[in-house]
């Protein structure tokens, strides 16, 4: 198992996410639905291994912890401002519509899967019948071969449960697989 001091050179080490207060279990459920290995040791972080067959310890992982009280207070004020209508609501609505139309231009992180894992994950998401995740996890777009490269499949998953930034904005996760791999 690799650890934080392994001399691998330049690699993406981790992505840090924050989830809404009280949504630790929902966060775990989302990553498990995506087919990733979630380890909950009871500490402040969930450890999500990108490759469940090869847990990497501190590399190739996503960490998730509950949002700080300071960020959550700011986000609640932001949500109230959006809910009150006016320019903020219009601007946020246009931003969300743009995220839906061109998800690849939104803040996101991508996970490469085998074609079989990609198909299984998309099928799980399309068949998802979990009241706990209803309206909280969805496929926002799918692109077939030829959209970016002649063989790349992409599915964009959207959630408002956690984010690498502002939870109010939501998080896109790009799932991708190569049809020729």
N, C-alpha and C. Protein backbone atom coordinates (compact mmCIF):
# COMPACT_ATOMS: atom_id res chain seq x y z
N UNK A 1 0.84 -1.17 0.00
CA UNK A 1 0.00 0.00 0.00
C UNK A 1 0.89 1.24 0.00
N UNK A 2 0.57 2.17 -0.89
CA UNK A 2 1.33 3.42 -0.95
C UNK A 2 0.98 4.30 0.25
N UNK A 3 1.92 5.14 0.61
CA UNK A 3 1.62 6.07 1.68
C UNK A 3 2.01 7.48 1.27
N UNK A 4 1.80 8.42 2.13
CA UNK A 4 1.97 9.83 1.80
C UNK A 4 3.43 10.18 1.48
N UNK A 5 4.36 9.37 1.90
CA UNK A 5 5.78 9.70 1.67
C UNK A 5 6.38 8.96 0.47
N UNK A 6 5.60 8.14 -0.23
CA UNK A 6 6.13 7.44 -1.40
C UNK A 6 6.62 8.44 -2.44
N UNK A 7 7.81 8.22 -3.01
CA UNK A 7 8.37 9.15 -3.99
C UNK A 7 7.86 8.87 -5.40
N UNK A 8 6.59 9.08 -5.64
CA UNK A 8 5.98 8.78 -6.92
C UNK A 8 6.22 9.86 -7.96
N UNK A 9 6.75 10.98 -7.60
CA UNK A 9 6.83 12.09 -8.54
C UNK A 9 5.54 12.88 -8.50
N UNK A 10 5.23 13.54 -9.58
CA UNK A 10 4.03 14.38 -9.62
C UNK A 10 2.80 13.53 -9.90
N UNK A 11 1.87 13.53 -8.98
CA UNK A 11 0.61 12.81 -9.09
C UNK A 11 -0.46 13.64 -8.40
N UNK A 12 -1.70 13.41 -8.78
CA UNK A 12 -2.78 14.00 -8.01
C UNK A 12 -2.89 13.19 -6.73
N UNK A 13 -2.70 13.85 -5.63
CA UNK A 13 -2.69 13.18 -4.34
C UNK A 13 -4.12 12.94 -3.84
N UNK A 14 -4.90 14.02 -3.74
CA UNK A 14 -6.26 13.87 -3.23
C UNK A 14 -7.10 15.08 -3.62
N UNK A 15 -8.39 14.92 -3.46
CA UNK A 15 -9.36 16.01 -3.53
C UNK A 15 -10.05 16.05 -2.18
N UNK A 16 -10.19 17.23 -1.62
CA UNK A 16 -10.86 17.40 -0.32
C UNK A 16 -12.25 17.96 -0.56
N UNK A 17 -13.25 17.28 -0.05
CA UNK A 17 -14.64 17.70 -0.16
C UNK A 17 -15.21 18.01 1.22
N UNK A 18 -16.23 18.83 1.23
CA UNK A 18 -16.99 19.05 2.46
C UNK A 18 -18.44 18.70 2.17
N UNK A 19 -19.09 18.12 3.17
CA UNK A 19 -20.50 17.77 3.03
C UNK A 19 -21.32 18.58 4.03
N UNK A 20 -22.61 18.68 3.73
CA UNK A 20 -23.53 19.42 4.58
C UNK A 20 -23.59 18.80 5.98
N UNK A 21 -23.90 19.60 6.99
CA UNK A 21 -24.03 19.05 8.35
C UNK A 21 -25.00 17.87 8.38
N UNK A 22 -24.57 16.80 9.01
CA UNK A 22 -25.43 15.63 9.17
C UNK A 22 -25.54 14.73 7.95
N UNK A 23 -24.78 14.99 6.91
CA UNK A 23 -24.92 14.20 5.68
C UNK A 23 -23.74 13.27 5.41
N UNK A 24 -23.10 12.81 6.47
CA UNK A 24 -21.97 11.88 6.33
C UNK A 24 -22.43 10.57 5.68
N UNK A 25 -23.51 9.99 6.18
CA UNK A 25 -23.99 8.72 5.64
C UNK A 25 -24.44 8.87 4.19
N UNK A 26 -25.07 9.96 3.86
CA UNK A 26 -25.50 10.22 2.48
C UNK A 26 -24.28 10.35 1.57
N UNK A 27 -23.24 11.01 2.06
CA UNK A 27 -22.00 11.14 1.29
C UNK A 27 -21.40 9.76 1.03
N UNK A 28 -21.35 8.93 2.05
CA UNK A 28 -20.84 7.56 1.88
C UNK A 28 -21.66 6.82 0.83
N UNK A 29 -22.97 6.93 0.91
CA UNK A 29 -23.86 6.22 0.00
C UNK A 29 -23.62 6.64 -1.45
N UNK A 30 -23.39 7.93 -1.68
CA UNK A 30 -23.15 8.40 -3.04
C UNK A 30 -21.88 7.79 -3.61
N UNK A 31 -20.80 7.82 -2.84
CA UNK A 31 -19.55 7.26 -3.36
C UNK A 31 -19.62 5.76 -3.53
N UNK A 32 -20.35 5.08 -2.68
CA UNK A 32 -20.54 3.64 -2.85
C UNK A 32 -21.37 3.37 -4.10
N UNK A 33 -22.36 4.20 -4.38
CA UNK A 33 -23.15 4.07 -5.60
C UNK A 33 -22.27 4.25 -6.83
N UNK A 34 -21.27 5.11 -6.72
CA UNK A 34 -20.33 5.31 -7.83
C UNK A 34 -19.32 4.17 -7.94
N UNK A 35 -19.37 3.21 -7.03
CA UNK A 35 -18.50 2.05 -7.10
C UNK A 35 -17.15 2.24 -6.45
N UNK A 36 -17.03 3.24 -5.59
CA UNK A 36 -15.75 3.52 -4.93
C UNK A 36 -15.75 2.92 -3.53
N UNK A 37 -14.56 2.72 -2.99
CA UNK A 37 -14.40 2.14 -1.66
C UNK A 37 -14.36 3.27 -0.63
N UNK A 38 -15.32 3.26 0.30
CA UNK A 38 -15.40 4.28 1.34
C UNK A 38 -14.98 3.65 2.66
N UNK A 39 -14.02 4.28 3.32
CA UNK A 39 -13.59 3.84 4.64
C UNK A 39 -13.94 4.93 5.64
N UNK A 40 -14.69 4.55 6.66
CA UNK A 40 -15.08 5.47 7.71
C UNK A 40 -14.51 4.95 9.02
N UNK A 41 -13.44 5.59 9.48
CA UNK A 41 -12.80 5.15 10.72
C UNK A 41 -13.39 5.85 11.94
N UNK A 42 -14.39 6.69 11.70
CA UNK A 42 -15.00 7.42 12.80
C UNK A 42 -14.34 8.75 13.09
N UNK A 43 -13.23 9.04 12.44
CA UNK A 43 -12.56 10.32 12.61
C UNK A 43 -13.24 11.40 11.78
N UNK A 44 -12.59 12.53 11.62
CA UNK A 44 -13.24 13.63 10.92
C UNK A 44 -13.41 13.39 9.41
N UNK A 45 -12.64 12.49 8.82
CA UNK A 45 -12.66 12.31 7.37
C UNK A 45 -13.22 10.97 6.96
N UNK A 46 -13.94 10.99 5.84
CA UNK A 46 -14.21 9.77 5.09
C UNK A 46 -13.07 9.64 4.11
N UNK A 47 -12.57 8.45 3.91
CA UNK A 47 -11.50 8.20 2.96
C UNK A 47 -12.11 7.41 1.81
N UNK A 48 -12.09 7.97 0.60
CA UNK A 48 -12.70 7.35 -0.56
C UNK A 48 -11.60 6.98 -1.54
N UNK A 49 -11.39 5.69 -1.74
CA UNK A 49 -10.38 5.22 -2.68
C UNK A 49 -10.97 5.19 -4.08
N UNK A 50 -10.28 5.79 -5.03
CA UNK A 50 -10.75 5.84 -6.41
C UNK A 50 -10.73 4.45 -7.02
N UNK A 51 -9.71 3.67 -6.73
CA UNK A 51 -9.62 2.31 -7.25
C UNK A 51 -9.85 1.34 -6.10
N UNK A 52 -11.08 0.82 -5.95
CA UNK A 52 -11.39 -0.05 -4.82
C UNK A 52 -10.53 -1.31 -4.76
N UNK A 53 -9.98 -1.74 -5.90
CA UNK A 53 -9.17 -2.96 -5.90
C UNK A 53 -7.75 -2.70 -5.44
N UNK A 54 -7.37 -1.42 -5.34
CA UNK A 54 -6.01 -1.08 -4.96
C UNK A 54 -6.00 0.15 -4.07
N UNK A 55 -6.46 0.00 -2.83
CA UNK A 55 -6.47 1.16 -1.93
C UNK A 55 -5.08 1.79 -1.84
N UNK A 56 -5.01 3.08 -2.02
CA UNK A 56 -3.73 3.77 -2.09
C UNK A 56 -3.35 4.49 -0.82
N UNK A 57 -4.18 4.45 0.19
CA UNK A 57 -3.84 5.15 1.43
C UNK A 57 -4.05 6.64 1.31
N UNK A 58 -3.00 7.36 0.97
CA UNK A 58 -3.09 8.81 0.91
C UNK A 58 -3.00 9.37 -0.50
N UNK A 59 -2.90 8.52 -1.51
CA UNK A 59 -2.82 8.97 -2.89
C UNK A 59 -3.98 8.39 -3.68
N UNK A 60 -4.40 9.10 -4.72
CA UNK A 60 -5.50 8.67 -5.57
C UNK A 60 -6.78 8.51 -4.75
N UNK A 61 -7.01 9.47 -3.87
CA UNK A 61 -8.15 9.39 -2.96
C UNK A 61 -8.93 10.71 -2.93
N UNK A 62 -10.12 10.60 -2.40
CA UNK A 62 -10.94 11.75 -2.07
C UNK A 62 -11.17 11.68 -0.57
N UNK A 63 -11.02 12.80 0.09
CA UNK A 63 -11.36 12.90 1.50
C UNK A 63 -12.62 13.75 1.60
N UNK A 64 -13.47 13.43 2.55
CA UNK A 64 -14.68 14.22 2.77
C UNK A 64 -14.89 14.41 4.26
N UNK A 65 -15.19 15.63 4.65
CA UNK A 65 -15.45 15.93 6.06
C UNK A 65 -16.61 16.92 6.12
N UNK A 66 -17.17 17.03 7.31
CA UNK A 66 -18.30 17.96 7.47
C UNK A 66 -17.82 19.40 7.32
N UNK A 67 -18.63 20.18 6.64
CA UNK A 67 -18.32 21.59 6.41
C UNK A 67 -18.09 22.30 7.76
N UNK A 68 -17.19 23.26 7.77
CA UNK A 68 -16.94 24.00 9.01
C UNK A 68 -18.14 24.88 9.33
N UNK A 69 -18.33 25.22 10.60
CA UNK A 69 -19.43 26.12 10.96
C UNK A 69 -19.33 27.47 10.24
N UNK A 70 -18.13 27.96 10.03
CA UNK A 70 -17.95 29.25 9.37
C UNK A 70 -18.39 29.18 7.90
N UNK A 71 -17.99 28.12 7.19
CA UNK A 71 -18.42 28.00 5.80
C UNK A 71 -19.92 27.79 5.73
N UNK A 72 -20.47 26.97 6.63
CA UNK A 72 -21.90 26.70 6.60
C UNK A 72 -22.71 27.96 6.87
N UNK A 73 -22.26 28.81 7.79
CA UNK A 73 -22.95 30.08 8.06
C UNK A 73 -22.95 30.95 6.81
N UNK A 74 -21.80 31.01 6.12
CA UNK A 74 -21.72 31.78 4.87
C UNK A 74 -22.66 31.19 3.82
N UNK A 75 -22.67 29.88 3.68
CA UNK A 75 -23.52 29.24 2.67
C UNK A 75 -25.00 29.45 2.96
N UNK A 76 -25.38 29.43 4.24
CA UNK A 76 -26.78 29.68 4.57
C UNK A 76 -27.19 31.10 4.18
N UNK A 77 -26.29 32.06 4.40
CA UNK A 77 -26.57 33.43 3.97
C UNK A 77 -26.68 33.51 2.45
N UNK A 78 -25.80 32.82 1.76
CA UNK A 78 -25.84 32.78 0.30
C UNK A 78 -27.15 32.15 -0.18
N UNK A 79 -27.56 31.06 0.43
CA UNK A 79 -28.81 30.40 0.06
C UNK A 79 -30.01 31.30 0.30
N UNK A 80 -30.00 32.05 1.40
CA UNK A 80 -31.09 32.99 1.68
C UNK A 80 -31.14 34.09 0.63
N UNK A 81 -29.98 34.56 0.24
CA UNK A 81 -29.92 35.60 -0.78
C UNK A 81 -30.46 35.10 -2.11
N UNK A 82 -30.12 33.88 -2.48
CA UNK A 82 -30.63 33.29 -3.72
C UNK A 82 -32.14 33.10 -3.63
N UNK A 83 -32.60 32.59 -2.49
CA UNK A 83 -34.03 32.32 -2.30
C UNK A 83 -34.88 33.58 -2.29
N UNK A 84 -34.27 34.72 -1.97
CA UNK A 84 -35.05 35.96 -1.90
C UNK A 84 -35.35 36.55 -3.27
N UNK A 85 -34.80 35.95 -4.31
CA UNK A 85 -35.10 36.42 -5.67
C UNK A 85 -34.15 37.52 -6.10
N UNK A 86 -34.54 38.22 -7.12
CA UNK A 86 -33.74 39.33 -7.61
C UNK A 86 -32.53 38.90 -8.42
N UNK A 87 -31.56 39.79 -8.46
CA UNK A 87 -30.37 39.56 -9.29
C UNK A 87 -29.59 38.31 -8.87
N UNK A 88 -29.47 38.08 -7.59
CA UNK A 88 -28.71 36.91 -7.13
C UNK A 88 -29.39 35.62 -7.61
N UNK A 89 -30.70 35.55 -7.48
CA UNK A 89 -31.44 34.36 -7.93
C UNK A 89 -31.31 34.18 -9.44
N UNK A 90 -31.44 35.27 -10.19
CA UNK A 90 -31.32 35.19 -11.65
C UNK A 90 -29.92 34.74 -12.06
N UNK A 91 -28.93 35.31 -11.43
CA UNK A 91 -27.55 34.96 -11.73
C UNK A 91 -27.26 33.50 -11.39
N UNK A 92 -27.74 33.05 -10.23
CA UNK A 92 -27.53 31.67 -9.83
C UNK A 92 -28.26 30.71 -10.77
N UNK A 93 -29.47 31.05 -11.16
CA UNK A 93 -30.23 30.23 -12.11
C UNK A 93 -29.51 30.09 -13.44
N UNK A 94 -28.97 31.20 -13.94
CA UNK A 94 -28.22 31.16 -15.21
C UNK A 94 -26.96 30.32 -15.05
N UNK A 95 -26.29 30.46 -13.93
CA UNK A 95 -25.08 29.68 -13.65
C UNK A 95 -25.41 28.19 -13.62
N UNK A 96 -26.48 27.80 -12.92
CA UNK A 96 -26.87 26.39 -12.83
C UNK A 96 -27.27 25.84 -14.20
N UNK A 97 -27.97 26.63 -15.00
CA UNK A 97 -28.35 26.20 -16.34
C UNK A 97 -27.11 25.97 -17.21
N UNK A 98 -26.14 26.85 -17.07
CA UNK A 98 -24.89 26.70 -17.82
C UNK A 98 -24.14 25.44 -17.38
N UNK A 99 -24.13 25.17 -16.08
CA UNK A 99 -23.49 23.95 -15.58
C UNK A 99 -24.14 22.71 -16.19
N UNK A 100 -25.45 22.76 -16.38
CA UNK A 100 -26.18 21.64 -16.95
C UNK A 100 -25.87 21.49 -18.44
N UNK A 101 -25.78 22.60 -19.13
CA UNK A 101 -25.56 22.59 -20.57
C UNK A 101 -24.12 22.20 -20.95
N UNK A 102 -23.16 22.75 -20.24
CA UNK A 102 -21.75 22.48 -20.53
C UNK A 102 -21.03 22.10 -19.23
N UNK A 103 -21.32 20.90 -18.71
CA UNK A 103 -20.76 20.51 -17.43
C UNK A 103 -19.24 20.48 -17.43
N UNK A 104 -18.64 20.26 -18.57
CA UNK A 104 -17.17 20.22 -18.66
C UNK A 104 -16.54 21.58 -18.44
N UNK A 105 -17.33 22.64 -18.43
CA UNK A 105 -16.81 23.98 -18.12
C UNK A 105 -17.12 24.39 -16.69
N UNK A 106 -17.64 23.45 -15.90
CA UNK A 106 -17.89 23.72 -14.48
C UNK A 106 -16.76 23.11 -13.66
N UNK A 107 -16.64 23.55 -12.42
CA UNK A 107 -15.66 22.95 -11.53
C UNK A 107 -16.07 21.50 -11.30
N UNK A 108 -15.13 20.59 -11.56
CA UNK A 108 -15.42 19.17 -11.41
C UNK A 108 -14.12 18.41 -11.20
N UNK A 109 -14.25 17.16 -10.88
CA UNK A 109 -13.11 16.25 -10.94
C UNK A 109 -13.57 15.02 -11.69
N UNK A 110 -12.62 14.36 -12.33
CA UNK A 110 -12.93 13.22 -13.17
C UNK A 110 -12.38 11.93 -12.61
N UNK A 111 -13.10 10.86 -12.86
CA UNK A 111 -12.68 9.53 -12.46
C UNK A 111 -12.70 8.64 -13.69
N UNK A 112 -11.55 8.05 -14.00
CA UNK A 112 -11.45 7.13 -15.14
C UNK A 112 -11.86 5.74 -14.67
N UNK A 113 -12.73 5.10 -15.44
CA UNK A 113 -13.22 3.76 -15.14
C UNK A 113 -12.96 2.85 -16.33
N UNK A 114 -13.00 1.55 -16.09
CA UNK A 114 -13.01 0.62 -17.20
C UNK A 114 -14.38 0.76 -17.87
N UNK A 115 -14.49 0.32 -19.10
CA UNK A 115 -15.76 0.41 -19.81
C UNK A 115 -16.84 -0.38 -19.07
N UNK A 116 -16.51 -1.56 -18.58
CA UNK A 116 -17.49 -2.36 -17.84
C UNK A 116 -17.95 -1.65 -16.57
N UNK A 117 -17.00 -1.08 -15.83
CA UNK A 117 -17.35 -0.35 -14.60
C UNK A 117 -18.17 0.89 -14.92
N UNK A 118 -17.84 1.58 -16.01
CA UNK A 118 -18.60 2.77 -16.42
C UNK A 118 -20.04 2.39 -16.73
N UNK A 119 -20.21 1.35 -17.53
CA UNK A 119 -21.57 0.93 -17.88
C UNK A 119 -22.36 0.50 -16.66
N UNK A 120 -21.73 -0.22 -15.75
CA UNK A 120 -22.40 -0.67 -14.52
C UNK A 120 -22.76 0.52 -13.62
N UNK A 121 -21.86 1.49 -13.52
CA UNK A 121 -22.11 2.66 -12.67
C UNK A 121 -23.24 3.50 -13.24
N UNK A 122 -23.23 3.74 -14.53
CA UNK A 122 -24.30 4.52 -15.16
C UNK A 122 -25.63 3.78 -14.99
N UNK A 123 -25.63 2.48 -15.18
CA UNK A 123 -26.86 1.69 -15.00
C UNK A 123 -27.37 1.81 -13.56
N UNK A 124 -26.47 1.75 -12.58
CA UNK A 124 -26.88 1.91 -11.16
C UNK A 124 -27.50 3.28 -10.94
N UNK A 125 -26.88 4.31 -11.50
CA UNK A 125 -27.38 5.67 -11.32
C UNK A 125 -28.74 5.85 -12.01
N UNK A 126 -28.89 5.30 -13.20
CA UNK A 126 -30.17 5.43 -13.92
C UNK A 126 -31.29 4.67 -13.23
N UNK A 127 -30.97 3.57 -12.57
CA UNK A 127 -31.97 2.75 -11.88
C UNK A 127 -32.15 3.15 -10.42
N UNK A 128 -31.42 4.14 -9.96
CA UNK A 128 -31.43 4.51 -8.55
C UNK A 128 -32.84 4.82 -8.07
N UNK A 129 -33.25 4.09 -7.05
CA UNK A 129 -34.57 4.27 -6.45
C UNK A 129 -34.37 4.32 -4.94
N UNK A 130 -33.75 5.40 -4.50
CA UNK A 130 -33.42 5.56 -3.10
C UNK A 130 -33.98 6.90 -2.63
N UNK A 131 -35.02 6.89 -1.81
CA UNK A 131 -35.61 8.16 -1.36
C UNK A 131 -34.60 9.09 -0.69
N UNK A 132 -33.56 8.51 -0.08
CA UNK A 132 -32.54 9.31 0.59
C UNK A 132 -31.71 10.12 -0.41
N UNK A 133 -31.62 9.66 -1.66
CA UNK A 133 -30.82 10.36 -2.67
C UNK A 133 -31.68 11.05 -3.73
N UNK A 134 -32.99 10.90 -3.62
CA UNK A 134 -33.89 11.51 -4.61
C UNK A 134 -33.69 13.03 -4.65
N UNK A 135 -33.43 13.53 -5.84
CA UNK A 135 -33.20 14.96 -6.03
C UNK A 135 -31.83 15.44 -5.56
N UNK A 136 -31.00 14.53 -5.07
CA UNK A 136 -29.70 14.90 -4.52
C UNK A 136 -28.54 14.35 -5.34
N UNK A 137 -28.82 13.40 -6.24
CA UNK A 137 -27.80 12.77 -7.06
C UNK A 137 -28.42 12.42 -8.40
N UNK A 138 -27.79 12.87 -9.47
CA UNK A 138 -28.34 12.59 -10.80
C UNK A 138 -27.25 12.64 -11.86
N UNK A 139 -27.55 12.02 -12.99
CA UNK A 139 -26.70 12.17 -14.16
C UNK A 139 -27.20 13.43 -14.86
N UNK A 140 -26.33 14.41 -15.00
CA UNK A 140 -26.75 15.67 -15.62
C UNK A 140 -26.49 15.70 -17.12
N UNK A 141 -25.56 14.88 -17.60
CA UNK A 141 -25.28 14.83 -19.03
C UNK A 141 -24.47 13.58 -19.34
N UNK A 142 -24.60 13.13 -20.57
CA UNK A 142 -23.78 12.02 -21.06
C UNK A 142 -23.32 12.37 -22.47
N UNK A 143 -22.08 12.05 -22.76
CA UNK A 143 -21.52 12.29 -24.08
C UNK A 143 -20.88 11.00 -24.57
N UNK A 144 -21.15 10.66 -25.80
CA UNK A 144 -20.62 9.45 -26.38
C UNK A 144 -19.32 9.69 -27.11
N UNK A 145 -18.81 8.63 -27.69
CA UNK A 145 -17.56 8.75 -28.45
C UNK A 145 -17.65 9.87 -29.48
N UNK A 146 -16.55 10.58 -29.62
CA UNK A 146 -16.51 11.67 -30.59
C UNK A 146 -16.70 13.04 -29.99
N UNK A 147 -17.17 13.10 -28.74
CA UNK A 147 -17.39 14.42 -28.13
C UNK A 147 -16.07 15.10 -27.78
N UNK A 148 -15.13 14.34 -27.27
CA UNK A 148 -13.81 14.87 -26.91
C UNK A 148 -12.72 14.13 -27.68
N UNK A 149 -12.84 12.83 -27.71
CA UNK A 149 -11.95 11.99 -28.51
C UNK A 149 -12.82 10.95 -29.21
N UNK A 150 -12.29 10.27 -30.20
CA UNK A 150 -13.11 9.30 -30.93
C UNK A 150 -13.62 8.13 -30.09
N UNK A 151 -13.02 7.88 -28.92
CA UNK A 151 -13.38 6.69 -28.15
C UNK A 151 -13.80 6.95 -26.71
N UNK A 152 -13.90 8.20 -26.29
CA UNK A 152 -14.18 8.52 -24.89
C UNK A 152 -15.67 8.64 -24.60
N UNK A 153 -16.13 7.91 -23.58
CA UNK A 153 -17.49 8.05 -23.05
C UNK A 153 -17.41 8.88 -21.78
N UNK A 154 -18.40 9.77 -21.59
CA UNK A 154 -18.43 10.60 -20.38
C UNK A 154 -19.84 10.62 -19.81
N UNK A 155 -19.92 10.57 -18.49
CA UNK A 155 -21.18 10.79 -17.78
C UNK A 155 -20.88 11.79 -16.68
N UNK A 156 -21.73 12.79 -16.58
CA UNK A 156 -21.55 13.84 -15.58
C UNK A 156 -22.57 13.64 -14.47
N UNK A 157 -22.07 13.45 -13.26
CA UNK A 157 -22.91 13.21 -12.10
C UNK A 157 -22.94 14.49 -11.28
N UNK A 158 -24.14 14.91 -10.88
CA UNK A 158 -24.30 16.15 -10.12
C UNK A 158 -24.89 15.82 -8.76
N UNK A 159 -24.36 16.46 -7.72
CA UNK A 159 -24.90 16.32 -6.37
C UNK A 159 -24.81 17.66 -5.65
N UNK A 160 -25.69 17.85 -4.68
CA UNK A 160 -25.61 19.02 -3.81
C UNK A 160 -25.32 18.59 -2.37
N UNK A 161 -24.90 17.35 -2.20
CA UNK A 161 -24.61 16.83 -0.86
C UNK A 161 -23.24 17.29 -0.38
N UNK A 162 -22.28 17.37 -1.31
CA UNK A 162 -20.91 17.75 -0.98
C UNK A 162 -20.31 18.53 -2.14
N UNK A 163 -19.18 19.15 -1.88
CA UNK A 163 -18.48 19.88 -2.94
C UNK A 163 -17.04 20.14 -2.53
N UNK A 164 -16.22 20.34 -3.53
CA UNK A 164 -14.86 20.83 -3.33
C UNK A 164 -14.93 22.33 -3.55
N UNK A 165 -15.59 23.00 -2.66
CA UNK A 165 -15.86 24.43 -2.78
C UNK A 165 -17.14 24.72 -2.03
N UNK A 166 -18.03 25.45 -2.68
CA UNK A 166 -19.31 25.80 -2.06
C UNK A 166 -20.35 24.73 -2.33
N UNK A 167 -20.91 24.17 -1.28
CA UNK A 167 -21.92 23.13 -1.41
C UNK A 167 -23.15 23.68 -2.12
N UNK A 168 -23.46 24.93 -1.89
CA UNK A 168 -24.63 25.57 -2.52
C UNK A 168 -24.56 25.47 -4.04
N UNK A 169 -23.36 25.55 -4.58
CA UNK A 169 -23.18 25.46 -6.03
C UNK A 169 -23.34 24.01 -6.50
N UNK A 170 -22.97 23.06 -5.66
CA UNK A 170 -23.04 21.66 -6.03
C UNK A 170 -21.72 21.18 -6.59
N UNK A 171 -21.66 19.90 -6.89
CA UNK A 171 -20.44 19.29 -7.39
C UNK A 171 -20.74 18.41 -8.59
N UNK A 172 -19.96 18.59 -9.63
CA UNK A 172 -19.97 17.68 -10.78
C UNK A 172 -18.82 16.70 -10.64
N UNK A 173 -19.10 15.45 -10.96
CA UNK A 173 -18.08 14.42 -11.04
C UNK A 173 -18.19 13.84 -12.44
N UNK A 174 -17.08 13.89 -13.16
CA UNK A 174 -17.06 13.32 -14.51
C UNK A 174 -16.60 11.88 -14.42
N UNK A 175 -17.43 10.98 -14.90
CA UNK A 175 -17.04 9.58 -15.05
C UNK A 175 -16.67 9.39 -16.51
N UNK A 176 -15.55 8.73 -16.77
CA UNK A 176 -15.16 8.52 -18.16
C UNK A 176 -14.55 7.15 -18.36
N UNK A 177 -14.75 6.65 -19.57
CA UNK A 177 -14.17 5.38 -19.96
C UNK A 177 -13.84 5.44 -21.44
N UNK A 178 -12.82 4.69 -21.79
CA UNK A 178 -12.40 4.63 -23.20
C UNK A 178 -12.94 3.34 -23.81
N UNK A 179 -13.65 3.46 -24.92
CA UNK A 179 -14.25 2.29 -25.55
C UNK A 179 -13.21 1.37 -26.17
N UNK A 180 -11.99 1.84 -26.35
CA UNK A 180 -10.93 1.04 -26.97
C UNK A 180 -9.92 0.50 -25.96
N UNK A 181 -10.10 0.83 -24.69
CA UNK A 181 -9.12 0.39 -23.67
C UNK A 181 -9.27 -1.06 -23.34
